[in-house]
Amino acid sequence: MKLFPAAKLLRSVKSRRRLGYAGLVFGAGVAGYLVSLMMYPAPLVARDQRVSLVIGLPSEEAEKELIAQGFRVQIDPAREQDPTLPEGYVTWQEPPAYVSLPEGSQVELTVSSGPAAVTVPDVLQFESEEARKVLMASGLTVSAVDSVPAEAEHGIVVATRPPAGSTRTPGSGVDLVVSQGPAAIRVPNVVDLPEAEARDLLEASGLRIGTVRRVRRTGAPGTVVEQSPRPGVLRAHGGRVDLTVREARRP
């Protein structure tokens, strides 16, 4: 279509105005971007971060480390038992470690409630060494061995502390109570005997000396002045007899 000169001039003016408006918009955008760079030096587009491995850390430490990376942390309220990690330590993380995520992403942590409780096994009537092996295989230890006179043969377990069926944390100690055998030996009288003779007589009777307390008393030095239990009491084989002995004279 043929245009008159005036129409051509009007169209040219309109085109120039459009270009001017576009230039203004573009310039304003560039200016805004430059101002943003000056006010906020960090990149405008969030960068991805690799999630740290926090399994095996205390939950408080794991949470601090993830927050420092720019992540949000959600701790699962339902804890789970773990055979090796103590209570309060992280057992799992989702997403897993080393995955790249945008800053502000959420990482969920599962925390240990500690190892499962161990039931004390029944080791009554076991020999003490066999009972020890059974307890260790169950994840427990033997903390002490006591002996008492009992009808069971010497060395047989007659009780445990705590009793069988109780629950304990792995690695806890269990006391064994072992039989000394029946109380069938009558304690001999060793008062006024020299300490060495008293020892020989007790050992020949199937007993043994326990603690020896030394005191200053009148009489022959090195002789027994008291014994416990007293003479005539029945003791099991290997039972102890405590002595009180006069101190020897100093030269």
C-alpha atoms as a PDB file:
ATOM      1  CA  MET A   1       0.000   0.000   0.000  1.00  0.00           C
ATOM      2  CA  LYS A   2       1.314   3.420  -0.952  1.00  0.00           C
ATOM      3  CA  LEU A   3       1.989   5.756   2.025  1.00  0.00           C
ATOM      4  CA  PHE A   4       1.914   9.521   1.886  1.00  0.00           C
ATOM      5  CA  PRO A   5       4.926  11.392   3.265  1.00  0.00           C
ATOM      6  CA  ALA A   6       3.062  12.523   6.415  1.00  0.00           C
ATOM      7  CA  ALA A   7       2.061   8.937   7.201  1.00  0.00           C
ATOM      8  CA  LYS A   8       5.614   7.754   6.711  1.00  0.00           C
ATOM      9  CA  LEU A   9       6.859  10.390   9.120  1.00  0.00           C
ATOM     10  CA  LEU A  10       4.274   9.434  11.778  1.00  0.00           C
ATOM     11  CA  ARG A  11       5.191   5.739  11.504  1.00  0.00           C
ATOM     12  CA  SER A  12       8.890   6.538  11.887  1.00  0.00           C
ATOM     13  CA  VAL A  13       8.216   8.541  15.058  1.00  0.00           C
ATOM     14  CA  LYS A  14       6.221   5.691  16.578  1.00  0.00           C
ATOM     15  CA  SER A  15       8.994   3.196  15.843  1.00  0.00           C
ATOM     16  CA  ARG A  16      11.549   5.406  17.488  1.00  0.00           C
ATOM     17  CA  ARG A  17       9.355   5.754  20.593  1.00  0.00           C
ATOM     18  CA  ARG A  18       9.022   1.957  20.866  1.00  0.00           C
ATOM     19  CA  LEU A  19      12.793   1.563  20.687  1.00  0.00           C
ATOM     20  CA  GLY A  20      13.205   4.247  23.312  1.00  0.00           C
ATOM     21  CA  TYR A  21      10.776   2.518  25.688  1.00  0.00           C
ATOM     22  CA  ALA A  22      12.553  -0.812  25.180  1.00  0.00           C
ATOM     23  CA  GLY A  23      15.873   0.817  25.868  1.00  0.00           C
ATOM     24  CA  LEU A  24      14.562   2.367  29.051  1.00  0.00           C
ATOM     25  CA  VAL A  25      13.215  -0.985  30.274  1.00  0.00           C
ATOM     26  CA  PHE A  26      16.487  -2.759  29.461  1.00  0.00           C
ATOM     27  CA  GLY A  27      18.507  -0.025  31.106  1.00  0.00           C
ATOM     28  CA  ALA A  28      16.372  -0.159  34.229  1.00  0.00           C
ATOM     29  CA  GLY A  29      16.875  -3.922  34.430  1.00  0.00           C
ATOM     30  CA  VAL A  30      20.640  -3.620  34.099  1.00  0.00           C
ATOM     31  CA  ALA A  31      20.724  -0.852  36.675  1.00  0.00           C
ATOM     32  CA  GLY A  32      18.644  -2.919  39.092  1.00  0.00           C
ATOM     33  CA  TYR A  33      20.955  -5.897  38.659  1.00  0.00           C
ATOM     34  CA  LEU A  34      24.033  -3.751  39.291  1.00  0.00           C
ATOM     35  CA  VAL A  35      22.440  -2.263  42.411  1.00  0.00           C
ATOM     36  CA  SER A  36      21.614  -5.808  43.633  1.00  0.00           C
ATOM     37  CA  LEU A  37      25.218  -6.860  43.122  1.00  0.00           C
ATOM     38  CA  MET A  38      26.433  -3.932  45.185  1.00  0.00           C
ATOM     39  CA  MET A  39      23.913  -4.451  47.999  1.00  0.00           C
ATOM     40  CA  TYR A  40      24.009  -8.280  48.026  1.00  0.00           C
ATOM     41  CA  PRO A  41      27.432  -9.576  46.960  1.00  0.00           C
ATOM     42  CA  ALA A  42      26.290 -13.229  47.185  1.00  0.00           C
ATOM     43  CA  PRO A  43      25.056 -14.803  43.952  1.00  0.00           C
ATOM     44  CA  LEU A  44      21.392 -14.190  43.203  1.00  0.00           C
ATOM     45  CA  VAL A  45      20.959 -17.832  42.218  1.00  0.00           C
ATOM     46  CA  ALA A  46      21.370 -20.281  45.129  1.00  0.00           C
ATOM     47  CA  ARG A  47      24.293 -22.671  44.727  1.00  0.00           C
ATOM     48  CA  ASP A  48      24.068 -26.374  45.516  1.00  0.00           C
ATOM     49  CA  GLN A  49      25.878 -27.767  48.557  1.00  0.00           C
ATOM     50  CA  ARG A  50      27.072 -31.303  49.192  1.00  0.00           C
ATOM     51  CA  VAL A  51      25.428 -32.773  52.285  1.00  0.00           C
ATOM     52  CA  SER A  52      27.989 -33.692  54.941  1.00  0.00           C
ATOM     53  CA  LEU A  53      28.198 -37.183  56.414  1.00  0.00           C
ATOM     54  CA  VAL A  54      26.832 -36.855  59.952  1.00  0.00           C
ATOM     55  CA  ILE A  55      26.030 -40.504  60.734  1.00  0.00           C
ATOM     56  CA  GLY A  56      27.811 -41.462  63.963  1.00  0.00           C
ATOM     57  CA  LEU A  57      27.851 -37.907  65.337  1.00  0.00           C
ATOM     58  CA  PRO A  58      25.881 -36.648  68.352  1.00  0.00           C
ATOM     59  CA  SER A  59      22.618 -35.178  67.067  1.00  0.00           C
ATOM     60  CA  GLU A  60      23.431 -31.672  68.375  1.00  0.00           C
ATOM     61  CA  GLU A  61      26.787 -31.643  66.569  1.00  0.00           C
ATOM     62  CA  ALA A  62      25.239 -33.035  63.364  1.00  0.00           C
ATOM     63  CA  GLU A  63      22.499 -30.389  63.422  1.00  0.00           C
ATOM     64  CA  LYS A  64      24.999 -27.538  63.847  1.00  0.00           C
ATOM     65  CA  GLU A  65      27.133 -28.794  60.964  1.00  0.00           C
ATOM     66  CA  LEU A  66      24.194 -29.065  58.556  1.00  0.00           C
ATOM     67  CA  ILE A  67      22.787 -25.669  59.528  1.00  0.00           C
ATOM     68  CA  ALA A  68      26.232 -24.149  58.907  1.00  0.00           C
ATOM     69  CA  GLN A  69      26.004 -25.529  55.357  1.00  0.00           C
ATOM     70  CA  GLY A  70      22.719 -23.737  54.851  1.00  0.00           C
ATOM     71  CA  PHE A  71      20.339 -26.668  55.254  1.00  0.00           C
ATOM     72  CA  ARG A  72      17.245 -27.020  57.409  1.00  0.00           C
ATOM     73  CA  VAL A  73      17.314 -29.971  59.813  1.00  0.00           C
ATOM     74  CA  GLN A  74      14.381 -32.167  60.825  1.00  0.00           C
ATOM     75  CA  ILE A  75      15.008 -34.758  63.588  1.00  0.00           C
ATOM     76  CA  ASP A  76      12.687 -37.764  63.471  1.00  0.00           C
ATOM     77  CA  PRO A  77      10.947 -38.012  66.871  1.00  0.00           C
ATOM     78  CA  ALA A  78      10.800 -41.821  66.548  1.00  0.00           C
ATOM     79  CA  ARG A  79      14.198 -43.088  67.675  1.00  0.00           C
ATOM     80  CA  GLU A  80      15.585 -46.502  66.754  1.00  0.00           C
ATOM     81  CA  GLN A  81      17.793 -48.980  68.586  1.00  0.00           C
ATOM     82  CA  ASP A  82      21.326 -49.436  67.341  1.00  0.00           C
ATOM     83  CA  PRO A  83      23.718 -52.211  68.431  1.00  0.00           C
ATOM     84  CA  THR A  84      26.788 -49.944  68.387  1.00  0.00           C
ATOM     85  CA  LEU A  85      25.796 -46.266  68.609  1.00  0.00           C
ATOM     86  CA  PRO A  86      24.953 -44.782  72.028  1.00  0.00           C
ATOM     87  CA  GLU A  87      21.736 -42.946  72.707  1.00  0.00           C
ATOM     88  CA  GLY A  88      21.531 -39.541  71.004  1.00  0.00           C
ATOM     89  CA  TYR A  89      23.824 -40.343  68.059  1.00  0.00           C
ATOM     90  CA  VAL A  90      22.728 -40.111  64.412  1.00  0.00           C
ATOM     91  CA  THR A  91      22.030 -43.513  62.810  1.00  0.00           C
ATOM     92  CA  TRP A  92      20.692 -42.342  59.431  1.00  0.00           C
ATOM     93  CA  GLN A  93      20.300 -39.212  57.310  1.00  0.00           C
ATOM     94  CA  GLU A  94      17.988 -38.505  54.383  1.00  0.00           C
ATOM     95  CA  PRO A  95      19.077 -37.465  51.781  1.00  0.00           C
ATOM     96  CA  PRO A  96      22.302 -39.437  52.228  1.00  0.00           C
ATOM     97  CA  ALA A  97      25.733 -37.869  52.484  1.00  0.00           C
ATOM     98  CA  TYR A  98      27.448 -36.210  49.509  1.00  0.00           C
ATOM     99  CA  VAL A  99      24.214 -35.532  47.610  1.00  0.00           C
ATOM    100  CA  SER A 100      24.159 -31.964  46.217  1.00  0.00           C
ATOM    101  CA  LEU A 101      21.150 -29.890  47.296  1.00  0.00           C
ATOM    102  CA  PRO A 102      20.176 -26.216  47.045  1.00  0.00           C
ATOM    103  CA  GLU A 103      20.724 -24.146  50.156  1.00  0.00           C
ATOM    104  CA  GLY A 104      17.649 -24.203  52.359  1.00  0.00           C
ATOM    105  CA  SER A 105      16.823 -27.823  51.554  1.00  0.00           C
ATOM    106  CA  GLN A 106      15.727 -30.068  54.426  1.00  0.00           C
ATOM    107  CA  VAL A 107      17.824 -32.937  55.774  1.00  0.00           C
ATOM    108  CA  GLU A 108      16.091 -35.463  58.062  1.00  0.00           C
ATOM    109  CA  LEU A 109      18.044 -37.217  60.804  1.00  0.00           C
ATOM    110  CA  THR A 110      17.243 -40.453  62.652  1.00  0.00           C
ATOM    111  CA  VAL A 111      18.724 -40.710  66.145  1.00  0.00           C
ATOM    112  CA  SER A 112      19.681 -43.795  68.178  1.00  0.00           C
ATOM    113  CA  SER A 113      17.875 -44.781  71.362  1.00  0.00           C
ATOM    114  CA  GLY A 114      20.926 -46.889  72.307  1.00  0.00           C
ATOM    115  CA  PRO A 115      21.616 -50.606  72.034  1.00  0.00           C
ATOM    116  CA  ALA A 116      18.847 -53.092  72.724  1.00  0.00           C
ATOM    117  CA  ALA A 117      18.737 -54.399  76.290  1.00  0.00           C
ATOM    118  CA  VAL A 118      20.306 -57.805  76.990  1.00  0.00           C
ATOM    119  CA  THR A 119      18.519 -60.437  79.061  1.00  0.00           C
ATOM    120  CA  VAL A 120      20.654 -62.027  81.776  1.00  0.00           C
ATOM    121  CA  PRO A 121      20.862 -65.741  80.895  1.00  0.00           C
ATOM    122  CA  ASP A 122      20.203 -68.523  83.374  1.00  0.00           C
ATOM    123  CA  VAL A 123      23.614 -69.937  84.359  1.00  0.00           C
ATOM    124  CA  LEU A 124      22.614 -71.641  87.627  1.00  0.00           C
ATOM    125  CA  GLN A 125      24.288 -75.027  88.132  1.00  0.00           C
ATOM    126  CA  PHE A 126      26.987 -74.096  85.589  1.00  0.00           C
ATOM    127  CA  GLU A 127      30.648 -74.251  86.544  1.00  0.00           C
ATOM    128  CA  SER A 128      31.909 -70.711  87.078  1.00  0.00           C
ATOM    129  CA  GLU A 129      34.085 -70.682  83.940  1.00  0.00           C
ATOM    130  CA  GLU A 130      31.267 -71.961  81.728  1.00  0.00           C
ATOM    131  CA  ALA A 131      28.922 -69.363  83.215  1.00  0.00           C
ATOM    132  CA  ARG A 132      31.459 -66.655  82.388  1.00  0.00           C
ATOM    133  CA  LYS A 133      31.577 -67.776  78.749  1.00  0.00           C
ATOM    134  CA  VAL A 134      27.774 -67.777  78.462  1.00  0.00           C
ATOM    135  CA  LEU A 135      27.520 -64.270  79.902  1.00  0.00           C
ATOM    136  CA  MET A 136      30.210 -62.921  77.579  1.00  0.00           C
ATOM    137  CA  ALA A 137      28.498 -64.519  74.570  1.00  0.00           C
ATOM    138  CA  SER A 138      25.317 -62.695  75.610  1.00  0.00           C
ATOM    139  CA  GLY A 139      27.096 -59.337  75.569  1.00  0.00           C
ATOM    140  CA  LEU A 140      27.591 -59.088  79.338  1.00  0.00           C
ATOM    141  CA  THR A 141      30.631 -59.331  81.605  1.00  0.00           C
ATOM    142  CA  VAL A 142      31.423 -60.852  85.012  1.00  0.00           C
ATOM    143  CA  SER A 143      32.053 -58.046  87.480  1.00  0.00           C
ATOM    144  CA  ALA A 144      32.685 -60.114  90.639  1.00  0.00           C
ATOM    145  CA  VAL A 145      32.663 -63.681  91.939  1.00  0.00           C
ATOM    146  CA  ASP A 146      31.483 -64.366  95.490  1.00  0.00           C
ATOM    147  CA  SER A 147      31.452 -67.742  97.223  1.00  0.00           C
ATOM    148  CA  VAL A 148      29.102 -69.101  99.862  1.00  0.00           C
ATOM    149  CA  PRO A 149      28.610 -72.480 101.536  1.00  0.00           C
ATOM    150  CA  ALA A 150      25.979 -74.436  99.626  1.00  0.00           C
ATOM    151  CA  GLU A 151      24.826 -77.972  98.976  1.00  0.00           C
ATOM    152  CA  ALA A 152      26.053 -77.729  95.385  1.00  0.00           C
ATOM    153  CA  GLU A 153      29.541 -78.951  94.543  1.00  0.00           C
ATOM    154  CA  HIS A 154      32.474 -76.584  94.889  1.00  0.00           C
ATOM    155  CA  GLY A 155      32.691 -74.066  92.009  1.00  0.00           C
ATOM    156  CA  ILE A 156      29.063 -74.392  90.859  1.00  0.00           C
ATOM    157  CA  VAL A 157      27.066 -71.184  90.317  1.00  0.00           C
ATOM    158  CA  VAL A 158      24.182 -70.980  92.791  1.00  0.00           C
ATOM    159  CA  ALA A 159      22.995 -67.408  92.092  1.00  0.00           C
ATOM    160  CA  THR A 160      23.602 -64.335  89.971  1.00  0.00           C
ATOM    161  CA  ARG A 161      23.182 -60.644  90.734  1.00  0.00           C
ATOM    162  CA  PRO A 162      21.004 -59.463  89.004  1.00  0.00           C
ATOM    163  CA  PRO A 163      18.978 -62.679  88.662  1.00  0.00           C
ATOM    164  CA  ALA A 164      18.346 -64.481  85.386  1.00  0.00           C
ATOM    165  CA  GLY A 165      15.682 -62.834  83.244  1.00  0.00           C
ATOM    166  CA  SER A 166      16.651 -59.282  84.200  1.00  0.00           C
ATOM    167  CA  THR A 167      17.574 -56.884  81.431  1.00  0.00           C
ATOM    168  CA  ARG A 168      20.782 -54.879  81.252  1.00  0.00           C
ATOM    169  CA  THR A 169      22.543 -52.689  78.709  1.00  0.00           C
ATOM    170  CA  PRO A 170      25.245 -54.495  76.659  1.00  0.00           C
ATOM    171  CA  GLY A 171      28.563 -54.641  78.462  1.00  0.00           C
ATOM    172  CA  SER A 172      27.015 -54.477  81.924  1.00  0.00           C
ATOM    173  CA  GLY A 173      28.496 -56.591  84.697  1.00  0.00           C
ATOM    174  CA  VAL A 174      26.876 -59.569  86.431  1.00  0.00           C
ATOM    175  CA  ASP A 175      28.046 -60.958  89.781  1.00  0.00           C
ATOM    176  CA  LEU A 176      28.380 -64.725  90.121  1.00  0.00           C
ATOM    177  CA  VAL A 177      27.729 -66.443  93.453  1.00  0.00           C
ATOM    178  CA  VAL A 178      29.604 -69.738  93.524  1.00  0.00           C
ATOM    179  CA  SER A 179      29.291 -72.646  95.922  1.00  0.00           C
ATOM    180  CA  GLN A 180      32.073 -73.371  98.359  1.00  0.00           C
ATOM    181  CA  GLY A 181      30.560 -76.796  98.834  1.00  0.00           C
ATOM    182  CA  PRO A 182      28.594 -78.027 101.842  1.00  0.00           C
ATOM    183  CA  ALA A 183      29.554 -76.586 105.219  1.00  0.00           C
ATOM    184  CA  ALA A 184      30.995 -79.815 106.571  1.00  0.00           C
ATOM    185  CA  ILE A 185      34.377 -78.779 107.997  1.00  0.00           C
ATOM    186  CA  ARG A 186      34.552 -77.865 111.673  1.00  0.00           C
ATOM    187  CA  VAL A 187      36.866 -74.881 112.226  1.00  0.00           C
ATOM    188  CA  PRO A 188      39.789 -75.881 114.470  1.00  0.00           C
ATOM    189  CA  ASN A 189      40.961 -73.799 117.413  1.00  0.00           C
ATOM    190  CA  VAL A 190      44.149 -71.940 116.455  1.00  0.00           C
ATOM    191  CA  VAL A 191      44.236 -69.364 119.297  1.00  0.00           C
ATOM    192  CA  ASP A 192      47.672 -69.125 121.006  1.00  0.00           C
ATOM    193  CA  LEU A 193      49.326 -70.955 118.104  1.00  0.00           C
ATOM    194  CA  PRO A 194      52.113 -69.261 116.155  1.00  0.00           C
ATOM    195  CA  GLU A 195      50.792 -67.805 112.909  1.00  0.00           C
ATOM    196  CA  ALA A 196      52.663 -70.321 110.732  1.00  0.00           C
ATOM    197  CA  GLU A 197      51.287 -73.277 112.709  1.00  0.00           C
ATOM    198  CA  ALA A 198      47.767 -71.840 112.552  1.00  0.00           C
ATOM    199  CA  ARG A 199      48.064 -71.557 108.786  1.00  0.00           C
ATOM    200  CA  ASP A 200      49.259 -75.152 108.435  1.00  0.00           C
ATOM    201  CA  LEU A 201      46.454 -76.486 110.650  1.00  0.00           C
ATOM    202  CA  LEU A 202      43.733 -74.561 108.756  1.00  0.00           C
ATOM    203  CA  GLU A 203      45.029 -75.635 105.353  1.00  0.00           C
ATOM    204  CA  ALA A 204      45.279 -79.245 106.492  1.00  0.00           C
ATOM    205  CA  SER A 205      41.606 -79.012 107.497  1.00  0.00           C
ATOM    206  CA  GLY A 206      40.610 -77.796 104.022  1.00  0.00           C
ATOM    207  CA  LEU A 207      40.296 -74.149 105.049  1.00  0.00           C
ATOM    208  CA  ARG A 208      42.453 -71.079 104.379  1.00  0.00           C
ATOM    209  CA  ILE A 209      43.539 -67.929 106.156  1.00  0.00           C
ATOM    210  CA  GLY A 210      41.609 -64.805 105.237  1.00  0.00           C
ATOM    211  CA  THR A 211      42.657 -61.416 106.562  1.00  0.00           C
ATOM    212  CA  VAL A 212      45.339 -61.141 109.221  1.00  0.00           C
ATOM    213  CA  ARG A 213      45.131 -58.174 111.632  1.00  0.00           C
ATOM    214  CA  ARG A 214      48.110 -57.389 113.844  1.00  0.00           C
ATOM    215  CA  VAL A 215      47.716 -55.852 117.297  1.00  0.00           C
ATOM    216  CA  ARG A 216      49.847 -55.015 120.319  1.00  0.00           C
ATOM    217  CA  ARG A 217      48.913 -57.453 123.061  1.00  0.00           C
ATOM    218  CA  THR A 218      50.715 -59.007 125.975  1.00  0.00           C
ATOM    219  CA  GLY A 219      51.924 -62.532 125.420  1.00  0.00           C
ATOM    220  CA  ALA A 220      54.092 -64.379 122.941  1.00  0.00           C
ATOM    221  CA  PRO A 221      54.628 -62.232 119.825  1.00  0.00           C
ATOM    222  CA  GLY A 222      53.478 -63.688 116.520  1.00  0.00           C
ATOM    223  CA  THR A 223      50.782 -65.880 118.096  1.00  0.00           C
ATOM    224  CA  VAL A 224      47.057 -65.855 117.357  1.00  0.00           C
ATOM    225  CA  VAL A 225      44.874 -64.014 119.885  1.00  0.00           C
ATOM    226  CA  GLU A 226      41.531 -64.167 118.041  1.00  0.00           C
ATOM    227  CA  GLN A 227      39.946 -66.015 115.127  1.00  0.00           C
ATOM    228  CA  SER A 228      36.749 -65.615 113.096  1.00  0.00           C
ATOM    229  CA  PRO A 229      34.691 -67.729 112.798  1.00  0.00           C
ATOM    230  CA  ARG A 230      35.165 -69.141 116.256  1.00  0.00           C
ATOM    231  CA  PRO A 231      36.285 -72.756 116.792  1.00  0.00           C
ATOM    232  CA  GLY A 232      33.679 -75.461 116.139  1.00  0.00           C
ATOM    233  CA  VAL A 233      31.724 -73.556 113.457  1.00  0.00           C
ATOM    234  CA  LEU A 234      31.067 -75.536 110.263  1.00  0.00           C
ATOM    235  CA  ARG A 235      32.594 -74.099 107.088  1.00  0.00           C
ATOM    236  CA  ALA A 236      32.663 -75.228 103.496  1.00  0.00           C
ATOM    237  CA  HIS A 237      35.823 -76.512 101.887  1.00  0.00           C
ATOM    238  CA  GLY A 238      38.101 -73.564 101.084  1.00  0.00           C
ATOM    239  CA  GLY A 239      36.319 -71.293 103.556  1.00  0.00           C
ATOM    240  CA  ARG A 240      38.266 -68.408 105.062  1.00  0.00           C
ATOM    241  CA  VAL A 241      39.243 -67.950 108.694  1.00  0.00           C
ATOM    242  CA  ASP A 242      40.342 -64.452 109.725  1.00  0.00           C
ATOM    243  CA  LEU A 243      43.071 -64.131 112.360  1.00  0.00           C
ATOM    244  CA  THR A 244      44.230 -61.497 114.823  1.00  0.00           C
ATOM    245  CA  VAL A 245      47.941 -61.907 115.630  1.00  0.00           C
ATOM    246  CA  ARG A 246      50.207 -60.309 118.263  1.00  0.00           C
ATOM    247  CA  GLU A 247      52.824 -58.045 116.762  1.00  0.00           C
ATOM    248  CA  ALA A 248      56.390 -59.233 117.000  1.00  0.00           C
ATOM    249  CA  ARG A 249      58.676 -57.250 119.314  1.00  0.00           C
ATOM    250  CA  ARG A 250      60.825 -54.693 117.608  1.00  0.00           C
ATOM    251  CA  PRO A 251      64.585 -55.146 118.147  1.00  0.00           C
END
